[in-house]
Amino acid sequence: MSSETSIDFRGIISGARNDGEYNKIVQVIPYAQLIGMELFDMSTLAGKLQPIFLMPKNDHNIGNPTLPAIHGGVVGGFMETSAALHLLMTMETQAVPKIIDFSLDYLRAGRHTDTYTSCQVWRQGKRVANVAINAWQTDPDQPIATARAHFLLVQD
């Protein structure tokens, strides 16, 4: 019989909001741990929290060793995870948003270097949120990929 450890995710979210340590939320997501994701910066713009996420250079994330370039699936997973975490960090709810759909545009090769994402919530209703995500490496004005995601906001 295997034993499972139960994570008090709602407690972690609440605690992170109370003490401002939002990286605690990132650290309990298994996929975020796998790709080495972390919260790079948490600033405030026009009274709203604006997290920027980092996926550090990691040999395990390489998809094309010839270039070398980050695997497209890793870039997509990083962007989707960033959007969900952005909603968790900026919304009042403590329930994890559920992905409805995700549309990704690859604009240039993701080289073997640090990669960043930022998100913008275009519309948030009571049940659905629409999030735009940009991924870049050296210059935010030259993204390697852009995406749009719709999330179902689960009621507590």
N, C-alpha and C. Protein backbone atom coordinates (compact mmCIF):
# COMPACT_ATOMS: atom_id res chain seq x y z
N MET A 1 0.84 -1.16 0.00
CA MET A 1 0.00 0.00 0.00
C MET A 1 0.89 1.24 0.00
N SER A 2 0.66 2.15 -0.96
CA SER A 2 1.49 3.35 -1.04
C SER A 2 0.88 4.45 -0.18
N SER A 3 1.75 5.25 0.36
CA SER A 3 1.27 6.37 1.16
C SER A 3 1.40 7.65 0.34
N GLU A 4 0.37 8.46 0.35
CA GLU A 4 0.39 9.72 -0.36
C GLU A 4 0.48 10.86 0.65
N THR A 5 1.22 11.89 0.26
CA THR A 5 1.27 13.07 1.10
C THR A 5 0.26 14.06 0.57
N SER A 6 -0.53 14.58 1.45
CA SER A 6 -1.56 15.53 1.08
C SER A 6 -1.02 16.94 1.29
N ILE A 7 -1.18 17.77 0.27
CA ILE A 7 -0.72 19.15 0.35
C ILE A 7 -1.92 20.05 0.61
N ASP A 8 -1.82 20.88 1.61
CA ASP A 8 -2.86 21.85 1.91
C ASP A 8 -2.66 23.05 0.98
N PHE A 9 -3.12 22.90 -0.27
CA PHE A 9 -2.89 23.91 -1.29
C PHE A 9 -3.56 25.23 -0.94
N ARG A 10 -4.76 25.17 -0.42
CA ARG A 10 -5.47 26.40 -0.02
C ARG A 10 -4.71 27.12 1.09
N GLY A 11 -4.17 26.36 2.02
CA GLY A 11 -3.38 26.96 3.10
C GLY A 11 -2.10 27.60 2.59
N ILE A 12 -1.47 26.97 1.60
CA ILE A 12 -0.25 27.52 1.01
C ILE A 12 -0.56 28.83 0.30
N ILE A 13 -1.66 28.85 -0.46
CA ILE A 13 -2.05 30.08 -1.16
C ILE A 13 -2.35 31.19 -0.17
N SER A 14 -3.12 30.87 0.84
CA SER A 14 -3.48 31.86 1.86
C SER A 14 -2.23 32.38 2.57
N GLY A 15 -1.34 31.49 2.94
CA GLY A 15 -0.10 31.89 3.61
C GLY A 15 0.78 32.74 2.73
N ALA A 16 0.88 32.39 1.45
CA ALA A 16 1.69 33.17 0.51
C ALA A 16 1.14 34.58 0.35
N ARG A 17 -0.17 34.70 0.31
CA ARG A 17 -0.78 36.03 0.19
C ARG A 17 -0.55 36.85 1.46
N ASN A 18 -0.63 36.20 2.61
CA ASN A 18 -0.46 36.91 3.89
C ASN A 18 0.96 37.42 4.08
N ASP A 19 1.96 36.59 3.74
CA ASP A 19 3.35 37.01 3.98
C ASP A 19 4.06 37.53 2.74
N GLY A 20 3.37 37.54 1.59
CA GLY A 20 3.97 38.07 0.36
C GLY A 20 5.00 37.15 -0.27
N GLU A 21 5.08 35.91 0.18
CA GLU A 21 6.04 34.94 -0.35
C GLU A 21 5.36 34.07 -1.41
N TYR A 22 5.11 34.65 -2.58
CA TYR A 22 4.36 33.97 -3.63
C TYR A 22 5.11 32.80 -4.26
N ASN A 23 6.43 32.75 -4.09
CA ASN A 23 7.19 31.64 -4.66
C ASN A 23 6.80 30.31 -4.00
N LYS A 24 6.20 30.37 -2.79
CA LYS A 24 5.73 29.16 -2.13
C LYS A 24 4.67 28.44 -2.97
N ILE A 25 3.86 29.21 -3.68
CA ILE A 25 2.83 28.61 -4.54
C ILE A 25 3.49 27.88 -5.70
N VAL A 26 4.49 28.50 -6.31
CA VAL A 26 5.20 27.89 -7.45
C VAL A 26 5.88 26.60 -7.01
N GLN A 27 6.45 26.59 -5.82
CA GLN A 27 7.24 25.46 -5.35
C GLN A 27 6.43 24.19 -5.08
N VAL A 28 5.10 24.29 -4.98
CA VAL A 28 4.31 23.08 -4.73
C VAL A 28 3.70 22.50 -6.01
N ILE A 29 3.98 23.10 -7.17
CA ILE A 29 3.49 22.59 -8.45
C ILE A 29 4.54 21.64 -9.02
N PRO A 30 4.23 20.35 -9.15
CA PRO A 30 5.22 19.38 -9.62
C PRO A 30 5.82 19.73 -10.99
N TYR A 31 5.01 20.18 -11.95
CA TYR A 31 5.56 20.52 -13.26
C TYR A 31 6.50 21.72 -13.16
N ALA A 32 6.16 22.69 -12.34
CA ALA A 32 7.03 23.85 -12.14
C ALA A 32 8.39 23.40 -11.58
N GLN A 33 8.37 22.46 -10.66
CA GLN A 33 9.61 21.92 -10.11
C GLN A 33 10.41 21.20 -11.19
N LEU A 34 9.73 20.43 -12.03
CA LEU A 34 10.40 19.66 -13.08
C LEU A 34 11.18 20.55 -14.04
N ILE A 35 10.59 21.67 -14.45
CA ILE A 35 11.26 22.54 -15.42
C ILE A 35 12.10 23.63 -14.74
N GLY A 36 12.08 23.67 -13.41
CA GLY A 36 12.88 24.63 -12.67
C GLY A 36 12.25 26.01 -12.56
N MET A 37 10.96 26.09 -12.76
CA MET A 37 10.25 27.37 -12.77
C MET A 37 10.28 28.05 -11.40
N GLU A 38 10.38 29.37 -11.44
CA GLU A 38 10.33 30.14 -10.20
C GLU A 38 9.74 31.51 -10.47
N LEU A 39 9.32 32.16 -9.40
CA LEU A 39 8.83 33.53 -9.50
C LEU A 39 10.05 34.43 -9.55
N PHE A 40 10.19 35.18 -10.63
CA PHE A 40 11.36 36.04 -10.82
C PHE A 40 11.15 37.40 -10.17
N ASP A 41 9.98 37.98 -10.37
CA ASP A 41 9.71 39.31 -9.86
C ASP A 41 8.22 39.45 -9.60
N MET A 42 7.89 40.16 -8.54
CA MET A 42 6.49 40.45 -8.23
C MET A 42 6.41 41.94 -7.99
N SER A 43 5.97 42.66 -9.01
CA SER A 43 5.85 44.10 -8.89
C SER A 43 4.38 44.49 -8.92
N THR A 44 4.13 45.75 -8.68
CA THR A 44 2.77 46.27 -8.73
C THR A 44 2.71 47.35 -9.79
N LEU A 45 1.74 47.23 -10.67
CA LEU A 45 1.53 48.20 -11.73
C LEU A 45 0.07 48.64 -11.68
N ALA A 46 -0.15 49.93 -11.51
CA ALA A 46 -1.51 50.49 -11.41
C ALA A 46 -2.33 49.78 -10.33
N GLY A 47 -1.68 49.44 -9.23
CA GLY A 47 -2.37 48.83 -8.11
C GLY A 47 -2.63 47.34 -8.26
N LYS A 48 -2.11 46.72 -9.32
CA LYS A 48 -2.33 45.28 -9.55
C LYS A 48 -0.99 44.55 -9.49
N LEU A 49 -1.02 43.36 -8.90
CA LEU A 49 0.19 42.52 -8.86
C LEU A 49 0.53 42.06 -10.27
N GLN A 50 1.82 42.13 -10.61
CA GLN A 50 2.30 41.72 -11.92
C GLN A 50 3.47 40.75 -11.76
N PRO A 51 3.18 39.45 -11.62
CA PRO A 51 4.28 38.49 -11.49
C PRO A 51 4.98 38.24 -12.82
N ILE A 52 6.29 38.05 -12.75
CA ILE A 52 7.08 37.61 -13.90
C ILE A 52 7.72 36.31 -13.47
N PHE A 53 7.59 35.29 -14.33
CA PHE A 53 8.10 33.96 -14.01
C PHE A 53 9.37 33.68 -14.81
N LEU A 54 10.23 32.85 -14.24
CA LEU A 54 11.51 32.49 -14.85
C LEU A 54 11.60 30.98 -14.98
N MET A 55 12.05 30.54 -16.16
CA MET A 55 12.45 29.15 -16.35
C MET A 55 13.95 29.20 -16.66
N PRO A 56 14.79 28.90 -15.67
CA PRO A 56 16.24 29.02 -15.87
C PRO A 56 16.75 28.04 -16.92
N LYS A 57 17.88 28.39 -17.50
CA LYS A 57 18.57 27.51 -18.45
C LYS A 57 18.74 26.14 -17.81
N ASN A 58 18.29 25.10 -18.53
CA ASN A 58 18.30 23.75 -17.97
C ASN A 58 18.47 22.75 -19.12
N ASP A 59 19.49 21.92 -19.06
CA ASP A 59 19.75 20.94 -20.13
C ASP A 59 18.59 19.97 -20.32
N HIS A 60 17.82 19.72 -19.29
CA HIS A 60 16.70 18.77 -19.39
C HIS A 60 15.53 19.32 -20.20
N ASN A 61 15.51 20.63 -20.44
CA ASN A 61 14.41 21.24 -21.20
C ASN A 61 14.71 21.36 -22.69
N ILE A 62 15.86 20.85 -23.12
CA ILE A 62 16.26 20.95 -24.53
C ILE A 62 15.48 19.94 -25.38
N GLY A 63 14.95 20.44 -26.50
CA GLY A 63 14.24 19.58 -27.45
C GLY A 63 15.07 19.34 -28.69
N ASN A 64 15.82 20.33 -29.14
CA ASN A 64 16.67 20.23 -30.32
C ASN A 64 18.11 20.50 -29.89
N PRO A 65 18.91 19.43 -29.70
CA PRO A 65 20.28 19.63 -29.22
C PRO A 65 21.20 20.24 -30.28
N THR A 66 20.80 20.23 -31.55
CA THR A 66 21.62 20.79 -32.61
C THR A 66 21.72 22.30 -32.48
N LEU A 67 20.62 22.98 -32.16
CA LEU A 67 20.64 24.45 -32.10
C LEU A 67 21.41 24.99 -30.89
N PRO A 68 21.31 24.63 -29.70
CA PRO A 68 20.25 23.91 -28.99
C PRO A 68 19.06 24.83 -28.70
N ALA A 69 17.87 24.24 -28.67
CA ALA A 69 16.65 24.99 -28.43
C ALA A 69 15.78 24.25 -27.41
N ILE A 70 15.00 25.03 -26.66
CA ILE A 70 14.08 24.47 -25.68
C ILE A 70 12.95 23.76 -26.42
N HIS A 71 12.53 22.63 -25.90
CA HIS A 71 11.42 21.88 -26.49
C HIS A 71 10.16 22.73 -26.49
N GLY A 72 9.44 22.74 -27.60
CA GLY A 72 8.22 23.54 -27.72
C GLY A 72 7.18 23.19 -26.68
N GLY A 73 7.09 21.91 -26.31
CA GLY A 73 6.14 21.50 -25.28
C GLY A 73 6.49 22.07 -23.92
N VAL A 74 7.78 22.20 -23.65
CA VAL A 74 8.22 22.79 -22.38
C VAL A 74 7.86 24.28 -22.37
N VAL A 75 8.07 24.96 -23.49
CA VAL A 75 7.70 26.38 -23.58
C VAL A 75 6.20 26.54 -23.35
N GLY A 76 5.40 25.70 -24.02
CA GLY A 76 3.94 25.76 -23.86
C GLY A 76 3.50 25.46 -22.43
N GLY A 77 4.09 24.44 -21.83
CA GLY A 77 3.77 24.09 -20.45
C GLY A 77 4.16 25.19 -19.48
N PHE A 78 5.30 25.81 -19.72
CA PHE A 78 5.76 26.93 -18.89
C PHE A 78 4.77 28.09 -18.99
N MET A 79 4.30 28.38 -20.21
CA MET A 79 3.38 29.49 -20.41
C MET A 79 2.01 29.20 -19.78
N GLU A 80 1.50 27.99 -19.94
CA GLU A 80 0.21 27.63 -19.36
C GLU A 80 0.27 27.66 -17.83
N THR A 81 1.35 27.12 -17.28
CA THR A 81 1.52 27.12 -15.83
C THR A 81 1.65 28.55 -15.30
N SER A 82 2.35 29.40 -16.05
CA SER A 82 2.48 30.80 -15.66
C SER A 82 1.12 31.49 -15.59
N ALA A 83 0.27 31.23 -16.58
CA ALA A 83 -1.06 31.85 -16.60
C ALA A 83 -1.90 31.40 -15.41
N ALA A 84 -1.88 30.11 -15.12
CA ALA A 84 -2.65 29.60 -13.98
C ALA A 84 -2.13 30.18 -12.67
N LEU A 85 -0.81 30.25 -12.52
CA LEU A 85 -0.23 30.82 -11.30
C LEU A 85 -0.51 32.31 -11.21
N HIS A 86 -0.48 33.00 -12.33
CA HIS A 86 -0.82 34.43 -12.34
C HIS A 86 -2.22 34.63 -11.77
N LEU A 87 -3.17 33.82 -12.22
CA LEU A 87 -4.54 33.93 -11.71
C LEU A 87 -4.59 33.63 -10.21
N LEU A 88 -3.89 32.59 -9.78
CA LEU A 88 -3.88 32.24 -8.35
C LEU A 88 -3.31 33.37 -7.50
N MET A 89 -2.30 34.04 -8.02
CA MET A 89 -1.63 35.09 -7.25
C MET A 89 -2.40 36.40 -7.25
N THR A 90 -3.25 36.61 -8.23
CA THR A 90 -3.91 37.90 -8.36
C THR A 90 -5.42 37.87 -8.09
N MET A 91 -6.01 36.68 -7.98
CA MET A 91 -7.44 36.56 -7.72
C MET A 91 -7.69 36.36 -6.23
N GLU A 92 -8.93 36.52 -5.85
CA GLU A 92 -9.32 36.30 -4.46
C GLU A 92 -9.51 34.82 -4.14
N THR A 93 -9.84 34.02 -5.12
CA THR A 93 -10.14 32.61 -4.89
C THR A 93 -8.89 31.82 -4.51
N GLN A 94 -9.09 30.72 -3.83
CA GLN A 94 -8.00 29.82 -3.49
C GLN A 94 -8.11 28.51 -4.25
N ALA A 95 -9.07 28.42 -5.15
CA ALA A 95 -9.23 27.22 -5.97
C ALA A 95 -8.40 27.35 -7.24
N VAL A 96 -7.79 26.26 -7.65
CA VAL A 96 -6.95 26.25 -8.84
C VAL A 96 -7.83 26.41 -10.07
N PRO A 97 -7.54 27.40 -10.94
CA PRO A 97 -8.34 27.54 -12.17
C PRO A 97 -8.10 26.37 -13.10
N LYS A 98 -9.14 25.98 -13.82
CA LYS A 98 -9.04 24.84 -14.74
C LYS A 98 -8.97 25.36 -16.17
N ILE A 99 -8.04 24.81 -16.94
CA ILE A 99 -7.85 25.26 -18.31
C ILE A 99 -9.03 24.82 -19.18
N ILE A 100 -9.54 25.75 -19.98
CA ILE A 100 -10.59 25.44 -20.96
C ILE A 100 -9.95 25.25 -22.32
N ASP A 101 -9.18 26.24 -22.76
CA ASP A 101 -8.43 26.10 -24.01
C ASP A 101 -7.18 26.95 -23.96
N PHE A 102 -6.25 26.62 -24.86
CA PHE A 102 -4.94 27.24 -24.88
C PHE A 102 -4.49 27.32 -26.32
N SER A 103 -4.15 28.51 -26.78
CA SER A 103 -3.69 28.72 -28.15
C SER A 103 -2.32 29.37 -28.10
N LEU A 104 -1.35 28.76 -28.78
CA LEU A 104 0.05 29.16 -28.67
C LEU A 104 0.61 29.49 -30.04
N ASP A 105 1.33 30.59 -30.14
CA ASP A 105 2.04 30.97 -31.37
C ASP A 105 3.53 31.00 -31.07
N TYR A 106 4.29 30.14 -31.75
CA TYR A 106 5.74 30.16 -31.64
C TYR A 106 6.27 31.19 -32.62
N LEU A 107 7.06 32.14 -32.14
CA LEU A 107 7.53 33.23 -32.98
C LEU A 107 9.00 33.10 -33.37
N ARG A 108 9.82 32.53 -32.52
CA ARG A 108 11.23 32.29 -32.82
C ARG A 108 11.73 31.18 -31.90
N ALA A 109 12.87 30.64 -32.22
CA ALA A 109 13.42 29.53 -31.43
C ALA A 109 13.74 29.99 -30.01
N GLY A 110 13.38 29.16 -29.06
CA GLY A 110 13.73 29.40 -27.66
C GLY A 110 15.11 28.82 -27.42
N ARG A 111 16.11 29.66 -27.41
CA ARG A 111 17.49 29.22 -27.24
C ARG A 111 17.74 28.69 -25.83
N HIS A 112 18.88 28.05 -25.68
CA HIS A 112 19.27 27.44 -24.41
C HIS A 112 19.77 28.53 -23.45
N THR A 113 18.81 29.30 -22.92
CA THR A 113 19.10 30.37 -21.98
C THR A 113 17.88 30.60 -21.09
N ASP A 114 17.98 31.47 -20.12
CA ASP A 114 16.85 31.77 -19.26
C ASP A 114 15.66 32.28 -20.07
N THR A 115 14.47 31.87 -19.67
CA THR A 115 13.24 32.28 -20.36
C THR A 115 12.28 32.85 -19.32
N TYR A 116 11.57 33.91 -19.70
CA TYR A 116 10.66 34.61 -18.80
C TYR A 116 9.25 34.65 -19.39
N THR A 117 8.26 34.77 -18.52
CA THR A 117 6.89 34.98 -18.97
C THR A 117 6.25 36.07 -18.13
N SER A 118 5.33 36.77 -18.79
CA SER A 118 4.46 37.71 -18.10
C SER A 118 3.06 37.49 -18.65
N CYS A 119 2.08 37.79 -17.84
CA CYS A 119 0.69 37.55 -18.21
C CYS A 119 -0.14 38.81 -18.02
N GLN A 120 -1.21 38.87 -18.79
CA GLN A 120 -2.17 39.95 -18.64
C GLN A 120 -3.57 39.36 -18.72
N VAL A 121 -4.37 39.64 -17.71
CA VAL A 121 -5.75 39.18 -17.71
C VAL A 121 -6.56 40.18 -18.52
N TRP A 122 -7.08 39.73 -19.66
CA TRP A 122 -7.86 40.60 -20.52
C TRP A 122 -9.28 40.73 -20.03
N ARG A 123 -9.81 39.63 -19.55
CA ARG A 123 -11.19 39.67 -19.05
C ARG A 123 -11.34 38.62 -17.98
N GLN A 124 -11.91 39.01 -16.89
CA GLN A 124 -12.21 38.06 -15.83
C GLN A 124 -13.65 38.26 -15.41
N GLY A 125 -14.45 37.24 -15.63
CA GLY A 125 -15.83 37.26 -15.17
C GLY A 125 -15.94 36.44 -13.90
N LYS A 126 -17.15 36.04 -13.58
CA LYS A 126 -17.35 35.22 -12.39
C LYS A 126 -16.94 33.77 -12.62
N ARG A 127 -17.00 33.33 -13.90
CA ARG A 127 -16.73 31.92 -14.18
C ARG A 127 -15.54 31.68 -15.10
N VAL A 128 -15.17 32.68 -15.93
CA VAL A 128 -14.12 32.47 -16.92
C VAL A 128 -13.15 33.65 -16.91
N ALA A 129 -11.86 33.34 -17.10
CA ALA A 129 -10.84 34.37 -17.25
C ALA A 129 -10.10 34.14 -18.56
N ASN A 130 -9.78 35.22 -19.25
CA ASN A 130 -9.03 35.19 -20.50
C ASN A 130 -7.68 35.83 -20.23
N VAL A 131 -6.61 35.07 -20.47
CA VAL A 131 -5.26 35.51 -20.12
C VAL A 131 -4.37 35.48 -21.36
N ALA A 132 -3.61 36.57 -21.57
CA ALA A 132 -2.59 36.62 -22.62
C ALA A 132 -1.24 36.39 -21.95
N ILE A 133 -0.38 35.58 -22.60
CA ILE A 133 0.92 35.23 -22.04
C ILE A 133 2.00 35.52 -23.07
N ASN A 134 3.09 36.16 -22.64
CA ASN A 134 4.25 36.40 -23.49
C ASN A 134 5.46 35.72 -22.87
N ALA A 135 6.24 35.04 -23.72
CA ALA A 135 7.49 34.42 -23.28
C ALA A 135 8.63 35.07 -24.06
N TRP A 136 9.69 35.44 -23.35
CA TRP A 136 10.85 36.04 -24.00
C TRP A 136 12.13 35.58 -23.30
N GLN A 137 13.27 35.91 -23.93
CA GLN A 137 14.53 35.52 -23.33
C GLN A 137 15.43 36.73 -23.01
N THR A 138 15.74 37.55 -23.98
CA THR A 138 16.61 38.69 -23.70
C THR A 138 15.89 40.02 -23.71
N ASP A 139 14.78 40.12 -24.43
CA ASP A 139 14.07 41.38 -24.58
C ASP A 139 12.57 41.12 -24.58
N PRO A 140 11.83 41.71 -23.64
CA PRO A 140 10.38 41.49 -23.60
C PRO A 140 9.67 41.95 -24.88
N ASP A 141 10.30 42.85 -25.63
CA ASP A 141 9.71 43.32 -26.88
C ASP A 141 9.97 42.38 -28.05
N GLN A 142 10.73 41.30 -27.81
CA GLN A 142 10.98 40.28 -28.83
C GLN A 142 10.63 38.90 -28.27
N PRO A 143 9.32 38.62 -28.14
CA PRO A 143 8.91 37.34 -27.54
C PRO A 143 9.28 36.15 -28.42
N ILE A 144 9.53 35.03 -27.76
CA ILE A 144 9.75 33.78 -28.49
C ILE A 144 8.43 33.09 -28.75
N ALA A 145 7.41 33.42 -27.94
CA ALA A 145 6.08 32.83 -28.11
C ALA A 145 5.05 33.71 -27.41
N THR A 146 3.84 33.67 -27.94
CA THR A 146 2.69 34.33 -27.30
C THR A 146 1.57 33.31 -27.22
N ALA A 147 0.71 33.47 -26.26
CA ALA A 147 -0.39 32.52 -26.09
C ALA A 147 -1.60 33.22 -25.51
N ARG A 148 -2.75 32.57 -25.71
CA ARG A 148 -4.00 32.98 -25.11
C ARG A 148 -4.61 31.77 -24.42
N ALA A 149 -5.11 32.00 -23.23
CA ALA A 149 -5.69 30.89 -22.47
C ALA A 149 -7.00 31.32 -21.84
N HIS A 150 -7.94 30.39 -21.80
CA HIS A 150 -9.20 30.60 -21.10
C HIS A 150 -9.23 29.61 -19.94
N PHE A 151 -9.59 30.11 -18.77
CA PHE A 151 -9.65 29.29 -17.57
C PHE A 151 -11.04 29.35 -16.98
N LEU A 152 -11.50 28.20 -16.49
CA LEU A 152 -12.72 28.14 -15.70
C LEU A 152 -12.34 28.44 -14.27
N LEU A 153 -12.99 29.44 -13.71
CA LEU A 153 -12.73 29.82 -12.32
C LEU A 153 -13.64 29.03 -11.42
N VAL A 154 -13.07 28.10 -10.71
CA VAL A 154 -13.82 27.21 -9.84
C VAL A 154 -14.21 27.97 -8.59
N GLN A 155 -15.43 27.86 -8.20
CA GLN A 155 -15.91 28.53 -6.98
C GLN A 155 -15.41 27.77 -5.76
N ASP A 156 -15.04 28.51 -4.72
CA ASP A 156 -14.57 27.88 -3.47
C ASP A 156 -15.66 27.09 -2.81
